[in-house]
């Protein structure tokens, strides 16, 4: 039986909160592409709220947004209805 070790993904926002620091974020309601994640991270936001109730057209788009958040070290918060 072979076990594959999963990559460890850290959450910098959670680490800041545990250390007593504050965090800032932005909510996204219009989804033209996951580049908004890169922009949010580059201006210093710690997390991004992705609203799937009103704007996310499909799960593939959500997957792309989540991978972009991981790659840009910004914590995604997803609303699910």
PDB file of N, CA and C in Angstrom:
ATOM      1  N   UNK A   1       0.847  -1.182   0.000  1.00  0.00           N
ATOM      2  CA  UNK A   1       0.000   0.000   0.000  1.00  0.00           C
ATOM      3  C   UNK A   1       0.891   1.243   0.000  1.00  0.00           C
ATOM      4  N   UNK A   2       0.700   2.082  -0.979  1.00  0.00           N
ATOM      5  CA  UNK A   2       1.503   3.287  -1.107  1.00  0.00           C
ATOM      6  C   UNK A   2       0.697   4.497  -0.650  1.00  0.00           C
ATOM      7  N   UNK A   3       1.314   5.311   0.169  1.00  0.00           N
ATOM      8  CA  UNK A   3       0.643   6.538   0.588  1.00  0.00           C
ATOM      9  C   UNK A   3       1.379   7.717  -0.036  1.00  0.00           C
ATOM     10  N   UNK A   4       0.605   8.615  -0.592  1.00  0.00           N
ATOM     11  CA  UNK A   4       1.167   9.795  -1.207  1.00  0.00           C
ATOM     12  C   UNK A   4       1.043  10.948  -0.235  1.00  0.00           C
ATOM     13  N   UNK A   5       2.154  11.625   0.004  1.00  0.00           N
ATOM     14  CA  UNK A   5       2.125  12.754   0.914  1.00  0.00           C
ATOM     15  C   UNK A   5       1.540  13.971   0.198  1.00  0.00           C
ATOM     16  N   UNK A   6       0.513  14.546   0.787  1.00  0.00           N
ATOM     17  CA  UNK A   6      -0.132  15.717   0.219  1.00  0.00           C
ATOM     18  C   UNK A   6       0.688  16.966   0.551  1.00  0.00           C
ATOM     19  N   UNK A   7       0.723  17.942  -0.354  1.00  0.00           N
ATOM     20  CA  UNK A   7       1.458  19.171  -0.062  1.00  0.00           C
ATOM     21  C   UNK A   7       0.796  19.932   1.086  1.00  0.00           C
ATOM     22  N   UNK A   8       1.609  20.529   1.904  1.00  0.00           N
ATOM     23  CA  UNK A   8       1.089  21.315   3.026  1.00  0.00           C
ATOM     24  C   UNK A   8       0.879  22.751   2.551  1.00  0.00           C
ATOM     25  N   UNK A   9      -0.337  23.205   2.638  1.00  0.00           N
ATOM     26  CA  UNK A   9      -0.673  24.566   2.221  1.00  0.00           C
ATOM     27  C   UNK A   9      -0.906  25.387   3.480  1.00  0.00           C
ATOM     28  N   UNK A  10      -0.153  26.454   3.632  1.00  0.00           N
ATOM     29  CA  UNK A  10      -0.323  27.304   4.805  1.00  0.00           C
ATOM     30  C   UNK A  10      -1.290  28.434   4.494  1.00  0.00           C
ATOM     31  N   UNK A  11      -1.867  28.986   5.539  1.00  0.00           N
ATOM     32  CA  UNK A  11      -2.790  30.099   5.409  1.00  0.00           C
ATOM     33  C   UNK A  11      -2.167  31.298   6.122  1.00  0.00           C
ATOM     34  N   UNK A  12      -1.498  32.185   5.367  1.00  0.00           N
ATOM     35  CA  UNK A  12      -0.851  33.334   6.002  1.00  0.00           C
ATOM     36  C   UNK A  12      -1.813  34.208   6.809  1.00  0.00           C
ATOM     37  N   UNK A  13      -3.066  34.320   6.367  1.00  0.00           N
ATOM     38  CA  UNK A  13      -4.048  35.124   7.097  1.00  0.00           C
ATOM     39  C   UNK A  13      -4.313  34.538   8.475  1.00  0.00           C
ATOM     40  N   UNK A  14      -4.472  33.236   8.525  1.00  0.00           N
ATOM     41  CA  UNK A  14      -4.720  32.574   9.809  1.00  0.00           C
ATOM     42  C   UNK A  14      -3.511  32.751  10.734  1.00  0.00           C
ATOM     43  N   UNK A  15      -2.314  32.639  10.167  1.00  0.00           N
ATOM     44  CA  UNK A  15      -1.106  32.814  10.970  1.00  0.00           C
ATOM     45  C   UNK A  15      -1.014  34.230  11.528  1.00  0.00           C
ATOM     46  N   UNK A  16      -1.396  35.240  10.729  1.00  0.00           N
ATOM     47  CA  UNK A  16      -1.390  36.622  11.214  1.00  0.00           C
ATOM     48  C   UNK A  16      -2.373  36.791  12.370  1.00  0.00           C
ATOM     49  N   UNK A  17      -3.573  36.228  12.211  1.00  0.00           N
ATOM     50  CA  UNK A  17      -4.577  36.334  13.264  1.00  0.00           C
ATOM     51  C   UNK A  17      -4.112  35.653  14.550  1.00  0.00           C
ATOM     52  N   UNK A  18      -3.510  34.485  14.413  1.00  0.00           N
ATOM     53  CA  UNK A  18      -2.995  33.775  15.591  1.00  0.00           C
ATOM     54  C   UNK A  18      -1.914  34.590  16.291  1.00  0.00           C
ATOM     55  N   UNK A  19      -1.157  35.372  15.525  1.00  0.00           N
ATOM     56  CA  UNK A  19      -0.107  36.202  16.086  1.00  0.00           C
ATOM     57  C   UNK A  19      -0.612  37.531  16.636  1.00  0.00           C
ATOM     58  N   UNK A  20      -1.930  37.757  16.549  1.00  0.00           N
ATOM     59  CA  UNK A  20      -2.514  38.983  17.081  1.00  0.00           C
ATOM     60  C   UNK A  20      -2.555  40.132  16.094  1.00  0.00           C
ATOM     61  N   UNK A  21      -2.157  39.897  14.852  1.00  0.00           N
ATOM     62  CA  UNK A  21      -2.192  40.943  13.833  1.00  0.00           C
ATOM     63  C   UNK A  21      -3.573  41.021  13.196  1.00  0.00           C
ATOM     64  N   UNK A  22      -3.861  42.144  12.586  1.00  0.00           N
ATOM     65  CA  UNK A  22      -5.118  42.272  11.847  1.00  0.00           C
ATOM     66  C   UNK A  22      -4.875  41.911  10.384  1.00  0.00           C
ATOM     67  N   UNK A  23      -5.959  41.610   9.688  1.00  0.00           N
ATOM     68  CA  UNK A  23      -5.876  41.278   8.262  1.00  0.00           C
ATOM     69  C   UNK A  23      -6.894  42.117   7.497  1.00  0.00           C
ATOM     70  N   UNK A  24      -6.648  42.304   6.216  1.00  0.00           N
ATOM     71  CA  UNK A  24      -7.566  43.055   5.373  1.00  0.00           C
ATOM     72  C   UNK A  24      -7.943  42.199   4.170  1.00  0.00           C
ATOM     73  N   UNK A  25      -9.131  42.449   3.653  1.00  0.00           N
ATOM     74  CA  UNK A  25      -9.589  41.670   2.510  1.00  0.00           C
ATOM     75  C   UNK A  25     -10.506  42.468   1.614  1.00  0.00           C
ATOM     76  N   UNK A  26     -10.945  41.805   0.567  1.00  0.00           N
ATOM     77  CA  UNK A  26     -11.804  42.423  -0.433  1.00  0.00           C
ATOM     78  C   UNK A  26     -12.841  41.387  -0.870  1.00  0.00           C
ATOM     79  N   UNK A  27     -14.030  41.860  -1.185  1.00  0.00           N
ATOM     80  CA  UNK A  27     -15.080  40.971  -1.699  1.00  0.00           C
ATOM     81  C   UNK A  27     -15.191  41.155  -3.206  1.00  0.00           C
ATOM     82  N   UNK A  28     -15.338  40.048  -3.920  1.00  0.00           N
ATOM     83  CA  UNK A  28     -15.421  40.079  -5.381  1.00  0.00           C
ATOM     84  C   UNK A  28     -16.787  39.556  -5.811  1.00  0.00           C
ATOM     85  N   UNK A  29     -17.471  40.352  -6.627  1.00  0.00           N
ATOM     86  CA  UNK A  29     -18.790  39.962  -7.118  1.00  0.00           C
ATOM     87  C   UNK A  29     -18.842  39.855  -8.631  1.00  0.00           C
ATOM     88  N   UNK A  30     -17.868  40.410  -9.318  1.00  0.00           N
ATOM     89  CA  UNK A  30     -17.787  40.327 -10.775  1.00  0.00           C
ATOM     90  C   UNK A  30     -16.600  39.449 -11.129  1.00  0.00           C
ATOM     91  N   UNK A  31     -16.795  38.478 -11.984  1.00  0.00           N
ATOM     92  CA  UNK A  31     -15.764  37.485 -12.258  1.00  0.00           C
ATOM     93  C   UNK A  31     -15.386  37.476 -13.734  1.00  0.00           C
ATOM     94  N   UNK A  32     -14.429  38.317 -14.089  1.00  0.00           N
ATOM     95  CA  UNK A  32     -13.956  38.333 -15.466  1.00  0.00           C
ATOM     96  C   UNK A  32     -12.742  37.432 -15.634  1.00  0.00           C
ATOM     97  N   UNK A  33     -12.114  37.075 -14.557  1.00  0.00           N
ATOM     98  CA  UNK A  33     -10.946  36.202 -14.602  1.00  0.00           C
ATOM     99  C   UNK A  33     -10.228  36.219 -13.272  1.00  0.00           C
ATOM    100  N   UNK A  34      -9.445  35.182 -13.018  1.00  0.00           N
ATOM    101  CA  UNK A  34      -8.762  35.080 -11.722  1.00  0.00           C
ATOM    102  C   UNK A  34      -7.651  36.104 -11.533  1.00  0.00           C
ATOM    103  N   UNK A  35      -7.408  36.967 -12.532  1.00  0.00           N
ATOM    104  CA  UNK A  35      -6.374  37.991 -12.369  1.00  0.00           C
ATOM    105  C   UNK A  35      -6.703  38.953 -11.230  1.00  0.00           C
ATOM    106  N   UNK A  36      -7.984  39.081 -10.865  1.00  0.00           N
ATOM    107  CA  UNK A  36      -8.355  39.940  -9.736  1.00  0.00           C
ATOM    108  C   UNK A  36      -7.676  39.451  -8.450  1.00  0.00           C
ATOM    109  N   UNK A  37      -7.442  38.152  -8.347  1.00  0.00           N
ATOM    110  CA  UNK A  37      -6.764  37.591  -7.176  1.00  0.00           C
ATOM    111  C   UNK A  37      -5.330  38.128  -7.109  1.00  0.00           C
ATOM    112  N   UNK A  38      -4.644  38.102  -8.232  1.00  0.00           N
ATOM    113  CA  UNK A  38      -3.262  38.600  -8.288  1.00  0.00           C
ATOM    114  C   UNK A  38      -3.215  40.082  -7.944  1.00  0.00           C
ATOM    115  N   UNK A  39      -4.164  40.836  -8.447  1.00  0.00           N
ATOM    116  CA  UNK A  39      -4.221  42.268  -8.160  1.00  0.00           C
ATOM    117  C   UNK A  39      -4.443  42.495  -6.664  1.00  0.00           C
ATOM    118  N   UNK A  40      -5.400  41.776  -6.078  1.00  0.00           N
ATOM    119  CA  UNK A  40      -5.686  41.927  -4.645  1.00  0.00           C
ATOM    120  C   UNK A  40      -4.462  41.587  -3.799  1.00  0.00           C
ATOM    121  N   UNK A  41      -3.769  40.522  -4.156  1.00  0.00           N
ATOM    122  CA  UNK A  41      -2.578  40.127  -3.404  1.00  0.00           C
ATOM    123  C   UNK A  41      -1.463  41.155  -3.569  1.00  0.00           C
ATOM    124  N   UNK A  42      -1.309  41.698  -4.774  1.00  0.00           N
ATOM    125  CA  UNK A  42      -0.203  42.624  -5.025  1.00  0.00           C
ATOM    126  C   UNK A  42      -0.383  43.960  -4.302  1.00  0.00           C
ATOM    127  N   UNK A  43      -1.620  44.343  -4.002  1.00  0.00           N
ATOM    128  CA  UNK A  43      -1.833  45.590  -3.258  1.00  0.00           C
ATOM    129  C   UNK A  43      -1.879  45.368  -1.747  1.00  0.00           C
ATOM    130  N   UNK A  44      -1.715  44.110  -1.328  1.00  0.00           N
ATOM    131  CA  UNK A  44      -1.546  43.850   0.096  1.00  0.00           C
ATOM    132  C   UNK A  44      -2.719  43.235   0.842  1.00  0.00           C
ATOM    133  N   UNK A  45      -3.786  42.866   0.141  1.00  0.00           N
ATOM    134  CA  UNK A  45      -4.897  42.211   0.837  1.00  0.00           C
ATOM    135  C   UNK A  45      -4.466  40.820   1.284  1.00  0.00           C
ATOM    136  N   UNK A  46      -5.008  40.397   2.432  1.00  0.00           N
ATOM    137  CA  UNK A  46      -4.681  39.086   2.994  1.00  0.00           C
ATOM    138  C   UNK A  46      -5.674  38.013   2.574  1.00  0.00           C
ATOM    139  N   UNK A  47      -6.918  38.408   2.302  1.00  0.00           N
ATOM    140  CA  UNK A  47      -7.931  37.427   1.906  1.00  0.00           C
ATOM    141  C   UNK A  47      -8.856  38.050   0.874  1.00  0.00           C
ATOM    142  N   UNK A  48      -9.570  37.184   0.186  1.00  0.00           N
ATOM    143  CA  UNK A  48     -10.548  37.626  -0.807  1.00  0.00           C
ATOM    144  C   UNK A  48     -11.812  36.794  -0.633  1.00  0.00           C
ATOM    145  N   UNK A  49     -12.953  37.468  -0.600  1.00  0.00           N
ATOM    146  CA  UNK A  49     -14.238  36.780  -0.492  1.00  0.00           C
ATOM    147  C   UNK A  49     -14.762  36.578  -1.910  1.00  0.00           C
ATOM    148  N   UNK A  50     -15.006  35.322  -2.257  1.00  0.00           N
ATOM    149  CA  UNK A  50     -15.510  34.971  -3.590  1.00  0.00           C
ATOM    150  C   UNK A  50     -16.980  34.591  -3.443  1.00  0.00           C
ATOM    151  N   UNK A  51     -17.846  35.411  -4.001  1.00  0.00           N
ATOM    152  CA  UNK A  51     -19.291  35.217  -3.868  1.00  0.00           C
ATOM    153  C   UNK A  51     -19.801  34.308  -4.983  1.00  0.00           C
ATOM    154  N   UNK A  52     -20.096  33.060  -4.641  1.00  0.00           N
ATOM    155  CA  UNK A  52     -20.606  32.123  -5.652  1.00  0.00           C
ATOM    156  C   UNK A  52     -22.121  32.176  -5.781  1.00  0.00           C
ATOM    157  N   UNK A  53     -22.789  32.870  -4.869  1.00  0.00           N
ATOM    158  CA  UNK A  53     -24.245  32.939  -4.938  1.00  0.00           C
ATOM    159  C   UNK A  53     -24.720  33.813  -6.099  1.00  0.00           C
ATOM    160  N   UNK A  54     -24.029  34.915  -6.351  1.00  0.00           N
ATOM    161  CA  UNK A  54     -24.522  35.883  -7.314  1.00  0.00           C
ATOM    162  C   UNK A  54     -23.745  35.956  -8.626  1.00  0.00           C
ATOM    163  N   UNK A  55     -22.522  35.389  -8.671  1.00  0.00           N
ATOM    164  CA  UNK A  55     -21.768  35.666  -9.867  1.00  0.00           C
ATOM    165  C   UNK A  55     -20.930  34.559 -10.467  1.00  0.00           C
ATOM    166  N   UNK A  56     -20.561  33.544  -9.736  1.00  0.00           N
ATOM    167  CA  UNK A  56     -19.650  32.526 -10.262  1.00  0.00           C
ATOM    168  C   UNK A  56     -20.410  31.624 -11.224  1.00  0.00           C
ATOM    169  N   UNK A  57     -20.049  31.649 -12.508  1.00  0.00           N
ATOM    170  CA  UNK A  57     -20.817  30.904 -13.492  1.00  0.00           C
ATOM    171  C   UNK A  57     -20.684  29.388 -13.420  1.00  0.00           C
ATOM    172  N   UNK A  58     -19.515  28.862 -13.005  1.00  0.00           N
ATOM    173  CA  UNK A  58     -19.395  27.400 -12.949  1.00  0.00           C
ATOM    174  C   UNK A  58     -18.235  26.990 -12.040  1.00  0.00           C
ATOM    175  N   UNK A  59     -18.166  25.709 -11.747  1.00  0.00           N
ATOM    176  CA  UNK A  59     -17.149  25.189 -10.834  1.00  0.00           C
ATOM    177  C   UNK A  59     -15.746  25.281 -11.406  1.00  0.00           C
ATOM    178  N   UNK A  60     -15.591  25.213 -12.725  1.00  0.00           N
ATOM    179  CA  UNK A  60     -14.262  25.363 -13.321  1.00  0.00           C
ATOM    180  C   UNK A  60     -13.687  26.747 -13.032  1.00  0.00           C
ATOM    181  N   UNK A  61     -14.538  27.766 -13.124  1.00  0.00           N
ATOM    182  CA  UNK A  61     -14.077  29.119 -12.798  1.00  0.00           C
ATOM    183  C   UNK A  61     -13.673  29.212 -11.336  1.00  0.00           C
ATOM    184  N   UNK A  62     -14.469  28.611 -10.461  1.00  0.00           N
ATOM    185  CA  UNK A  62     -14.147  28.626  -9.039  1.00  0.00           C
ATOM    186  C   UNK A  62     -12.808  27.937  -8.798  1.00  0.00           C
ATOM    187  N   UNK A  63     -12.595  26.810  -9.443  1.00  0.00           N
ATOM    188  CA  UNK A  63     -11.327  26.093  -9.300  1.00  0.00           C
ATOM    189  C   UNK A  63     -10.162  26.981  -9.718  1.00  0.00           C
ATOM    190  N   UNK A  64     -10.301  27.697 -10.817  1.00  0.00           N
ATOM    191  CA  UNK A  64      -9.242  28.596 -11.279  1.00  0.00           C
ATOM    192  C   UNK A  64      -8.982  29.718 -10.279  1.00  0.00           C
ATOM    193  N   UNK A  65     -10.050  30.253  -9.685  1.00  0.00           N
ATOM    194  CA  UNK A  65      -9.891  31.299  -8.677  1.00  0.00           C
ATOM    195  C   UNK A  65      -9.167  30.756  -7.443  1.00  0.00           C
ATOM    196  N   UNK A  66      -9.525  29.558  -7.017  1.00  0.00           N
ATOM    197  CA  UNK A  66      -8.896  28.972  -5.826  1.00  0.00           C
ATOM    198  C   UNK A  66      -7.419  28.663  -6.068  1.00  0.00           C
ATOM    199  N   UNK A  67      -7.096  28.168  -7.248  1.00  0.00           N
ATOM    200  CA  UNK A  67      -5.685  27.902  -7.559  1.00  0.00           C
ATOM    201  C   UNK A  67      -4.894  29.206  -7.633  1.00  0.00           C
ATOM    202  N   UNK A  68      -5.499  30.246  -8.175  1.00  0.00           N
ATOM    203  CA  UNK A  68      -4.831  31.536  -8.229  1.00  0.00           C
ATOM    204  C   UNK A  68      -4.609  32.096  -6.829  1.00  0.00           C
ATOM    205  N   UNK A  69      -5.588  31.917  -5.953  1.00  0.00           N
ATOM    206  CA  UNK A  69      -5.433  32.370  -4.563  1.00  0.00           C
ATOM    207  C   UNK A  69      -4.277  31.631  -3.896  1.00  0.00           C
ATOM    208  N   UNK A  70      -4.211  30.333  -4.092  1.00  0.00           N
ATOM    209  CA  UNK A  70      -3.106  29.547  -3.526  1.00  0.00           C
ATOM    210  C   UNK A  70      -1.769  30.034  -4.059  1.00  0.00           C
ATOM    211  N   UNK A  71      -1.683  30.224  -5.360  1.00  0.00           N
ATOM    212  CA  UNK A  71      -0.425  30.626  -5.989  1.00  0.00           C
ATOM    213  C   UNK A  71       0.018  32.025  -5.568  1.00  0.00           C
ATOM    214  N   UNK A  72      -0.941  32.885  -5.207  1.00  0.00           N
ATOM    215  CA  UNK A  72      -0.620  34.260  -4.817  1.00  0.00           C
ATOM    216  C   UNK A  72      -0.638  34.464  -3.307  1.00  0.00           C
ATOM    217  N   UNK A  73      -0.734  33.371  -2.575  1.00  0.00           N
ATOM    218  CA  UNK A  73      -0.685  33.382  -1.105  1.00  0.00           C
ATOM    219  C   UNK A  73      -1.697  34.346  -0.487  1.00  0.00           C
ATOM    220  N   UNK A  74      -2.926  34.293  -1.005  1.00  0.00           N
ATOM    221  CA  UNK A  74      -4.022  35.072  -0.443  1.00  0.00           C
ATOM    222  C   UNK A  74      -5.117  34.065  -0.085  1.00  0.00           C
ATOM    223  N   UNK A  75      -5.692  34.218   1.097  1.00  0.00           N
ATOM    224  CA  UNK A  75      -6.682  33.249   1.566  1.00  0.00           C
ATOM    225  C   UNK A  75      -8.025  33.477   0.889  1.00  0.00           C
ATOM    226  N   UNK A  76      -8.592  32.438   0.249  1.00  0.00           N
ATOM    227  CA  UNK A  76      -9.921  32.578  -0.331  1.00  0.00           C
ATOM    228  C   UNK A  76     -10.992  32.256   0.709  1.00  0.00           C
ATOM    229  N   UNK A  77     -12.036  33.065   0.719  1.00  0.00           N
ATOM    230  CA  UNK A  77     -13.217  32.798   1.531  1.00  0.00           C
ATOM    231  C   UNK A  77     -14.362  32.704   0.537  1.00  0.00           C
ATOM    232  N   UNK A  78     -14.998  31.539   0.451  1.00  0.00           N
ATOM    233  CA  UNK A  78     -16.008  31.304  -0.577  1.00  0.00           C
ATOM    234  C   UNK A  78     -17.387  31.218   0.069  1.00  0.00           C
ATOM    235  N   UNK A  79     -18.322  32.021  -0.447  1.00  0.00           N
ATOM    236  CA  UNK A  79     -19.708  31.897   0.001  1.00  0.00           C
ATOM    237  C   UNK A  79     -20.353  30.785  -0.825  1.00  0.00           C
ATOM    238  N   UNK A  80     -21.030  29.890  -0.141  1.00  0.00           N
ATOM    239  CA  UNK A  80     -21.667  28.751  -0.802  1.00  0.00           C
ATOM    240  C   UNK A  80     -23.129  28.718  -0.395  1.00  0.00           C
ATOM    241  N   UNK A  81     -23.993  28.736  -1.376  1.00  0.00           N
ATOM    242  CA  UNK A  81     -25.431  28.681  -1.099  1.00  0.00           C
ATOM    243  C   UNK A  81     -26.003  27.434  -1.755  1.00  0.00           C
TER     244      UNK A  81
END
